[in-house]
PDB file of all heavy atoms in Angstrom:
ATOM      1  N   GLY A   1     -27.654 -20.236 -15.442  1.00  0.00           N
ATOM      2  CA  GLY A   1     -28.607 -20.149 -16.540  1.00  0.00           C
ATOM      3  C   GLY A   1     -28.790 -21.455 -17.274  1.00  0.00           C
ATOM      4  O   GLY A   1     -28.475 -22.541 -16.776  1.00  0.00           O
ATOM      5  N   ARG A   2     -29.270 -21.336 -18.502  1.00  0.00           N
ATOM      6  CA  ARG A   2     -29.641 -22.517 -19.292  1.00  0.00           C
ATOM      7  C   ARG A   2     -28.757 -22.689 -20.513  1.00  0.00           C
ATOM      8  O   ARG A   2     -29.107 -23.423 -21.437  1.00  0.00           O
ATOM      9  CB  ARG A   2     -31.106 -22.387 -19.726  1.00  0.00           C
ATOM     10  CG  ARG A   2     -32.071 -22.302 -18.562  1.00  0.00           C
ATOM     11  CD  ARG A   2     -33.500 -22.050 -19.010  1.00  0.00           C
ATOM     12  NE  ARG A   2     -33.660 -20.715 -19.572  1.00  0.00           N
ATOM     13  CZ  ARG A   2     -34.802 -20.274 -20.097  1.00  0.00           C
ATOM     14  NH1 ARG A   2     -35.853 -21.060 -20.144  1.00  0.00           N
ATOM     15  NH2 ARG A   2     -34.890 -19.054 -20.575  1.00  0.00           N
ATOM     16  N   ARG A   3     -27.582 -22.011 -20.525  1.00  0.00           N
ATOM     17  CA  ARG A   3     -26.747 -22.000 -21.726  1.00  0.00           C
ATOM     18  C   ARG A   3     -25.358 -22.591 -21.492  1.00  0.00           C
ATOM     19  O   ARG A   3     -24.454 -22.384 -22.294  1.00  0.00           O
ATOM     20  CB  ARG A   3     -26.615 -20.573 -22.243  1.00  0.00           C
ATOM     21  CG  ARG A   3     -27.923 -19.799 -22.294  1.00  0.00           C
ATOM     22  CD  ARG A   3     -28.819 -20.216 -23.435  1.00  0.00           C
ATOM     23  NE  ARG A   3     -30.193 -19.756 -23.225  1.00  0.00           N
ATOM     24  CZ  ARG A   3     -31.127 -19.773 -24.144  1.00  0.00           C
ATOM     25  NH1 ARG A   3     -30.852 -20.215 -25.347  1.00  0.00           N
ATOM     26  NH2 ARG A   3     -32.351 -19.372 -23.869  1.00  0.00           N
ATOM     27  N   GLY A   4     -25.186 -23.287 -20.365  1.00  0.00           N
ATOM     28  CA  GLY A   4     -23.934 -24.004 -20.164  1.00  0.00           C
ATOM     29  C   GLY A   4     -22.792 -23.204 -19.591  1.00  0.00           C
ATOM     30  O   GLY A   4     -21.652 -23.680 -19.593  1.00  0.00           O
ATOM     31  N   LEU A   5     -23.038 -21.996 -19.084  1.00  0.00           N
ATOM     32  CA  LEU A   5     -21.981 -21.226 -18.441  1.00  0.00           C
ATOM     33  C   LEU A   5     -21.677 -21.807 -17.063  1.00  0.00           C
ATOM     34  O   LEU A   5     -22.589 -22.200 -16.326  1.00  0.00           O
ATOM     35  CB  LEU A   5     -22.397 -19.765 -18.271  1.00  0.00           C
ATOM     36  CG  LEU A   5     -22.453 -18.897 -19.523  1.00  0.00           C
ATOM     37  CD1 LEU A   5     -23.067 -17.548 -19.175  1.00  0.00           C
ATOM     38  CD2 LEU A   5     -21.056 -18.701 -20.098  1.00  0.00           C
ATOM     39  N   HIS A   6     -20.401 -21.859 -16.705  1.00  0.00           N
ATOM     40  CA  HIS A   6     -20.003 -22.346 -15.394  1.00  0.00           C
ATOM     41  C   HIS A   6     -19.358 -21.205 -14.606  1.00  0.00           C
ATOM     42  O   HIS A   6     -18.480 -20.506 -15.117  1.00  0.00           O
ATOM     43  CB  HIS A   6     -19.023 -23.516 -15.509  1.00  0.00           C
ATOM     44  CG  HIS A   6     -19.682 -24.791 -15.931  1.00  0.00           C
ATOM     45  ND1 HIS A   6     -20.034 -25.042 -17.244  1.00  0.00           N
ATOM     46  CD2 HIS A   6     -20.080 -25.877 -15.208  1.00  0.00           C
ATOM     47  CE1 HIS A   6     -20.601 -26.242 -17.319  1.00  0.00           C
ATOM     48  NE2 HIS A   6     -20.645 -26.754 -16.099  1.00  0.00           N
ATOM     49  N   VAL A   7     -19.823 -21.032 -13.358  1.00  0.00           N
ATOM     50  CA  VAL A   7     -19.303 -19.970 -12.497  1.00  0.00           C
ATOM     51  C   VAL A   7     -18.883 -20.570 -11.161  1.00  0.00           C
ATOM     52  O   VAL A   7     -19.389 -21.610 -10.741  1.00  0.00           O
ATOM     53  CB  VAL A   7     -20.353 -18.866 -12.266  1.00  0.00           C
ATOM     54  CG1 VAL A   7     -20.687 -18.149 -13.563  1.00  0.00           C
ATOM     55  CG2 VAL A   7     -21.622 -19.420 -11.624  1.00  0.00           C
ATOM     56  N   THR A   8     -17.960 -19.904 -10.497  1.00  0.00           N
ATOM     57  CA  THR A   8     -17.548 -20.344  -9.171  1.00  0.00           C
ATOM     58  C   THR A   8     -18.628 -20.021  -8.146  1.00  0.00           C
ATOM     59  O   THR A   8     -19.377 -19.054  -8.287  1.00  0.00           O
ATOM     60  CB  THR A   8     -16.226 -19.673  -8.763  1.00  0.00           C
ATOM     61  OG1 THR A   8     -16.286 -18.268  -9.075  1.00  0.00           O
ATOM     62  CG2 THR A   8     -15.059 -20.293  -9.503  1.00  0.00           C
ATOM     63  N   LEU A   9     -18.715 -20.855  -7.105  1.00  0.00           N
ATOM     64  CA  LEU A   9     -19.686 -20.598  -6.041  1.00  0.00           C
ATOM     65  C   LEU A   9     -19.515 -19.194  -5.477  1.00  0.00           C
ATOM     66  O   LEU A   9     -20.488 -18.514  -5.187  1.00  0.00           O
ATOM     67  CB  LEU A   9     -19.524 -21.625  -4.916  1.00  0.00           C
ATOM     68  CG  LEU A   9     -19.830 -23.082  -5.230  1.00  0.00           C
ATOM     69  CD1 LEU A   9     -19.685 -23.921  -3.961  1.00  0.00           C
ATOM     70  CD2 LEU A   9     -21.224 -23.249  -5.802  1.00  0.00           C
ATOM     71  N   LEU A  10     -18.279 -18.787  -5.306  1.00  0.00           N
ATOM     72  CA  LEU A  10     -17.982 -17.440  -4.829  1.00  0.00           C
ATOM     73  C   LEU A  10     -17.652 -16.564  -6.028  1.00  0.00           C
ATOM     74  O   LEU A  10     -16.697 -16.817  -6.760  1.00  0.00           O
ATOM     75  CB  LEU A  10     -16.792 -17.457  -3.865  1.00  0.00           C
ATOM     76  CG  LEU A  10     -16.356 -16.097  -3.321  1.00  0.00           C
ATOM     77  CD1 LEU A  10     -17.464 -15.460  -2.492  1.00  0.00           C
ATOM     78  CD2 LEU A  10     -15.079 -16.237  -2.484  1.00  0.00           C
ATOM     79  N   GLY A  11     -18.482 -15.561  -6.239  1.00  0.00           N
ATOM     80  CA  GLY A  11     -18.220 -14.592  -7.293  1.00  0.00           C
ATOM     81  C   GLY A  11     -17.744 -13.277  -6.715  1.00  0.00           C
ATOM     82  O   GLY A  11     -17.498 -13.152  -5.503  1.00  0.00           O
ATOM     83  N   PHE A  12     -17.641 -12.285  -7.573  1.00  0.00           N
ATOM     84  CA  PHE A  12     -17.141 -10.965  -7.169  1.00  0.00           C
ATOM     85  C   PHE A  12     -18.157  -9.904  -7.569  1.00  0.00           C
ATOM     86  O   PHE A  12     -18.465  -9.742  -8.758  1.00  0.00           O
ATOM     87  CB  PHE A  12     -15.800 -10.683  -7.857  1.00  0.00           C
ATOM     88  CG  PHE A  12     -15.218  -9.331  -7.513  1.00  0.00           C
ATOM     89  CD1 PHE A  12     -14.455  -9.156  -6.373  1.00  0.00           C
ATOM     90  CD2 PHE A  12     -15.438  -8.232  -8.333  1.00  0.00           C
ATOM     91  CE1 PHE A  12     -13.916  -7.921  -6.057  1.00  0.00           C
ATOM     92  CE2 PHE A  12     -14.909  -6.991  -8.035  1.00  0.00           C
ATOM     93  CZ  PHE A  12     -14.141  -6.831  -6.884  1.00  0.00           C
ATOM     94  N   GLY A  13     -18.684  -9.193  -6.590  1.00  0.00           N
ATOM     95  CA  GLY A  13     -19.586  -8.079  -6.838  1.00  0.00           C
ATOM     96  C   GLY A  13     -18.796  -6.782  -6.895  1.00  0.00           C
ATOM     97  O   GLY A  13     -18.123  -6.417  -5.929  1.00  0.00           O
ATOM     98  N   ALA A  14     -18.883  -6.080  -8.012  1.00  0.00           N
ATOM     99  CA  ALA A  14     -17.997  -4.936  -8.264  1.00  0.00           C
ATOM    100  C   ALA A  14     -18.607  -3.590  -7.917  1.00  0.00           C
ATOM    101  O   ALA A  14     -18.054  -2.550  -8.299  1.00  0.00           O
ATOM    102  CB  ALA A  14     -17.557  -4.943  -9.730  1.00  0.00           C
ATOM    103  N   ALA A  15     -19.718  -3.562  -7.186  1.00  0.00           N
ATOM    104  CA  ALA A  15     -20.270  -2.269  -6.773  1.00  0.00           C
ATOM    105  C   ALA A  15     -19.306  -1.491  -5.866  1.00  0.00           C
ATOM    106  O   ALA A  15     -19.125  -0.276  -6.063  1.00  0.00           O
ATOM    107  CB  ALA A  15     -21.622  -2.458  -6.095  1.00  0.00           C
ATOM    108  N   PRO A  16     -18.667  -2.120  -4.880  1.00  0.00           N
ATOM    109  CA  PRO A  16     -17.798  -1.337  -3.989  1.00  0.00           C
ATOM    110  C   PRO A  16     -16.631  -0.642  -4.691  1.00  0.00           C
ATOM    111  O   PRO A  16     -16.235   0.454  -4.279  1.00  0.00           O
ATOM    112  CB  PRO A  16     -17.296  -2.380  -2.984  1.00  0.00           C
ATOM    113  CG  PRO A  16     -18.390  -3.388  -2.929  1.00  0.00           C
ATOM    114  CD  PRO A  16     -18.875  -3.494  -4.345  1.00  0.00           C
ATOM    115  N   ILE A  17     -16.095  -1.234  -5.763  1.00  0.00           N
ATOM    116  CA  ILE A  17     -15.002  -0.547  -6.443  1.00  0.00           C
ATOM    117  C   ILE A  17     -15.519   0.580  -7.329  1.00  0.00           C
ATOM    118  O   ILE A  17     -14.732   1.334  -7.899  1.00  0.00           O
ATOM    119  CB  ILE A  17     -14.112  -1.520  -7.255  1.00  0.00           C
ATOM    120  CG1 ILE A  17     -14.889  -2.154  -8.410  1.00  0.00           C
ATOM    121  CG2 ILE A  17     -13.495  -2.571  -6.345  1.00  0.00           C
ATOM    122  CD1 ILE A  17     -13.992  -2.889  -9.401  1.00  0.00           C
ATOM    123  N   GLY A  18     -16.836   0.729  -7.407  1.00  0.00           N
ATOM    124  CA  GLY A  18     -17.452   1.914  -8.004  1.00  0.00           C
ATOM    125  C   GLY A  18     -17.673   3.002  -6.968  1.00  0.00           C
ATOM    126  O   GLY A  18     -18.371   3.970  -7.228  1.00  0.00           O
ATOM    127  N   GLU A  19     -17.103   2.820  -5.790  1.00  0.00           N
ATOM    128  CA  GLU A  19     -17.131   3.783  -4.682  1.00  0.00           C
ATOM    129  C   GLU A  19     -18.497   3.830  -4.003  1.00  0.00           C
ATOM    130  O   GLU A  19     -19.061   4.881  -3.749  1.00  0.00           O
ATOM    131  CB  GLU A  19     -16.654   5.165  -5.129  1.00  0.00           C
ATOM    132  CG  GLU A  19     -15.246   5.119  -5.695  1.00  0.00           C
ATOM    133  CD  GLU A  19     -14.602   6.474  -5.942  1.00  0.00           C
ATOM    134  OE1 GLU A  19     -15.316   7.391  -6.406  1.00  0.00           O
ATOM    135  OE2 GLU A  19     -13.401   6.607  -5.676  1.00  0.00           O
ATOM    136  N   LEU A  20     -19.005   2.644  -3.691  1.00  0.00           N
ATOM    137  CA  LEU A  20     -20.201   2.501  -2.887  1.00  0.00           C
ATOM    138  C   LEU A  20     -19.869   2.876  -1.443  1.00  0.00           C
ATOM    139  O   LEU A  20     -19.052   2.213  -0.795  1.00  0.00           O
ATOM    140  CB  LEU A  20     -20.694   1.055  -2.959  1.00  0.00           C
ATOM    141  CG  LEU A  20     -21.925   0.684  -2.145  1.00  0.00           C
ATOM    142  CD1 LEU A  20     -23.158   1.409  -2.673  1.00  0.00           C
ATOM    143  CD2 LEU A  20     -22.146  -0.830  -2.171  1.00  0.00           C
ATOM    144  N   TYR A  21     -20.449   3.947  -0.968  1.00  0.00           N
ATOM    145  CA  TYR A  21     -20.286   4.459   0.399  1.00  0.00           C
ATOM    146  C   TYR A  21     -18.920   5.089   0.683  1.00  0.00           C
ATOM    147  O   TYR A  21     -18.807   5.920   1.570  1.00  0.00           O
ATOM    148  CB  TYR A  21     -20.527   3.377   1.460  1.00  0.00           C
ATOM    149  CG  TYR A  21     -21.859   2.716   1.409  1.00  0.00           C
ATOM    150  CD1 TYR A  21     -21.960   1.328   1.415  1.00  0.00           C
ATOM    151  CD2 TYR A  21     -23.039   3.459   1.346  1.00  0.00           C
ATOM    152  CE1 TYR A  21     -23.199   0.700   1.373  1.00  0.00           C
ATOM    153  CE2 TYR A  21     -24.283   2.830   1.296  1.00  0.00           C
ATOM    154  CZ  TYR A  21     -24.349   1.451   1.312  1.00  0.00           C
ATOM    155  OH  TYR A  21     -25.566   0.831   1.267  1.00  0.00           O
ATOM    156  N   GLN A  22     -17.873   4.679   0.002  1.00  0.00           N
ATOM    157  CA  GLN A  22     -16.538   5.179   0.326  1.00  0.00           C
ATOM    158  C   GLN A  22     -15.679   5.298  -0.930  1.00  0.00           C
ATOM    159  O   GLN A  22     -15.888   4.601  -1.908  1.00  0.00           O
ATOM    160  CB  GLN A  22     -15.842   4.234   1.316  1.00  0.00           C
ATOM    161  CG  GLN A  22     -15.631   2.827   0.764  1.00  0.00           C
ATOM    162  CD  GLN A  22     -14.988   1.876   1.758  1.00  0.00           C
ATOM    163  OE1 GLN A  22     -14.418   2.306   2.754  1.00  0.00           O
ATOM    164  NE2 GLN A  22     -15.066   0.587   1.490  1.00  0.00           N
ATOM    165  N   ARG A  23     -14.726   6.210  -0.873  1.00  0.00           N
ATOM    166  CA  ARG A  23     -13.791   6.392  -1.977  1.00  0.00           C
ATOM    167  C   ARG A  23     -12.838   5.204  -2.068  1.00  0.00           C
ATOM    168  O   ARG A  23     -12.407   4.643  -1.051  1.00  0.00           O
ATOM    169  CB  ARG A  23     -12.976   7.671  -1.779  1.00  0.00           C
ATOM    170  CG  ARG A  23     -13.806   8.944  -1.861  1.00  0.00           C
ATOM    171  CD  ARG A  23     -14.009   9.346  -3.298  1.00  0.00           C
ATOM    172  NE  ARG A  23     -14.626  10.660  -3.422  1.00  0.00           N
ATOM    173  CZ  ARG A  23     -14.776  11.311  -4.561  1.00  0.00           C
ATOM    174  NH1 ARG A  23     -14.367  10.764  -5.702  1.00  0.00           N
ATOM    175  NH2 ARG A  23     -15.343  12.498  -4.595  1.00  0.00           N
ATOM    176  N   VAL A  24     -12.503   4.830  -3.290  1.00  0.00           N
ATOM    177  CA  VAL A  24     -11.549   3.758  -3.551  1.00  0.00           C
ATOM    178  C   VAL A  24     -10.655   4.235  -4.685  1.00  0.00           C
ATOM    179  O   VAL A  24     -11.144   4.692  -5.722  1.00  0.00           O
ATOM    180  CB  VAL A  24     -12.259   2.448  -3.963  1.00  0.00           C
ATOM    181  CG1 VAL A  24     -11.246   1.358  -4.280  1.00  0.00           C
ATOM    182  CG2 VAL A  24     -13.222   1.995  -2.875  1.00  0.00           C
ATOM    183  N   SER A  25      -9.351   4.135  -4.503  1.00  0.00           N
ATOM    184  CA  SER A  25      -8.436   4.593  -5.549  1.00  0.00           C
ATOM    185  C   SER A  25      -8.446   3.632  -6.731  1.00  0.00           C
ATOM    186  O   SER A  25      -8.846   2.465  -6.613  1.00  0.00           O
ATOM    187  CB  SER A  25      -7.019   4.706  -4.999  1.00  0.00           C
ATOM    188  OG  SER A  25      -6.469   3.421  -4.750  1.00  0.00           O
ATOM    189  N   ASP A  26      -7.968   4.129  -7.878  1.00  0.00           N
ATOM    190  CA  ASP A  26      -7.860   3.261  -9.057  1.00  0.00           C
ATOM    191  C   ASP A  26      -6.980   2.053  -8.760  1.00  0.00           C
ATOM    192  O   ASP A  26      -7.328   0.915  -9.121  1.00  0.00           O
ATOM    193  CB  ASP A  26      -7.275   4.041 -10.237  1.00  0.00           C
ATOM    194  CG  ASP A  26      -8.293   4.951 -10.909  1.00  0.00           C
ATOM    195  OD1 ASP A  26      -9.502   4.677 -10.798  1.00  0.00           O
ATOM    196  OD2 ASP A  26      -7.879   5.932 -11.534  1.00  0.00           O
ATOM    197  N   ASP A  27      -5.849   2.292  -8.118  1.00  0.00           N
ATOM    198  CA  ASP A  27      -4.925   1.194  -7.828  1.00  0.00           C
ATOM    199  C   ASP A  27      -5.575   0.156  -6.917  1.00  0.00           C
ATOM    200  O   ASP A  27      -5.454  -1.054  -7.154  1.00  0.00           O
ATOM    201  CB  ASP A  27      -3.651   1.726  -7.176  1.00  0.00           C
ATOM    202  CG  ASP A  27      -2.749   2.478  -8.155  1.00  0.00           C
ATOM    203  OD1 ASP A  27      -2.971   2.342  -9.385  1.00  0.00           O
ATOM    204  OD2 ASP A  27      -1.850   3.196  -7.693  1.00  0.00           O
ATOM    205  N   GLU A  28      -6.270   0.628  -5.890  1.00  0.00           N
ATOM    206  CA  GLU A  28      -6.903  -0.300  -4.950  1.00  0.00           C
ATOM    207  C   GLU A  28      -8.043  -1.058  -5.628  1.00  0.00           C
ATOM    208  O   GLU A  28      -8.202  -2.268  -5.436  1.00  0.00           O
ATOM    209  CB  GLU A  28      -7.431   0.475  -3.740  1.00  0.00           C
ATOM    210  CG  GLU A  28      -8.007  -0.400  -2.639  1.00  0.00           C
ATOM    211  CD  GLU A  28      -6.963  -0.960  -1.695  1.00  0.00           C
ATOM    212  OE1 GLU A  28      -5.763  -0.928  -2.036  1.00  0.00           O
ATOM    213  OE2 GLU A  28      -7.340  -1.442  -0.615  1.00  0.00           O
ATOM    214  N   GLY A  29      -8.835  -0.362  -6.433  1.00  0.00           N
ATOM    215  CA  GLY A  29      -9.941  -1.014  -7.103  1.00  0.00           C
ATOM    216  C   GLY A  29      -9.478  -2.114  -8.041  1.00  0.00           C
ATOM    217  O   GLY A  29     -10.008  -3.233  -8.039  1.00  0.00           O
ATOM    218  N   CYS A  30      -8.476  -1.816  -8.851  1.00  0.00           N
ATOM    219  CA  CYS A  30      -7.970  -2.816  -9.799  1.00  0.00           C
ATOM    220  C   CYS A  30      -7.260  -3.959  -9.074  1.00  0.00           C
ATOM    221  O   CYS A  30      -7.383  -5.128  -9.458  1.00  0.00           O
ATOM    222  CB  CYS A  30      -7.037  -2.149 -10.806  1.00  0.00           C
ATOM    223  SG  CYS A  30      -7.880  -0.985 -11.906  1.00  0.00           S
TER     224      CYS A  30
END
C-alpha cells in the first residue's frame, strides 16, 4: 500500500485453517 507497511514476499493465507474443503483441528490450525 501507500502507508509504509512492510510485508514478507511470502505471506500466509488463512482460508484453509477455516476448514476450506477439509476438516482441520484447532491444534493443527494454530
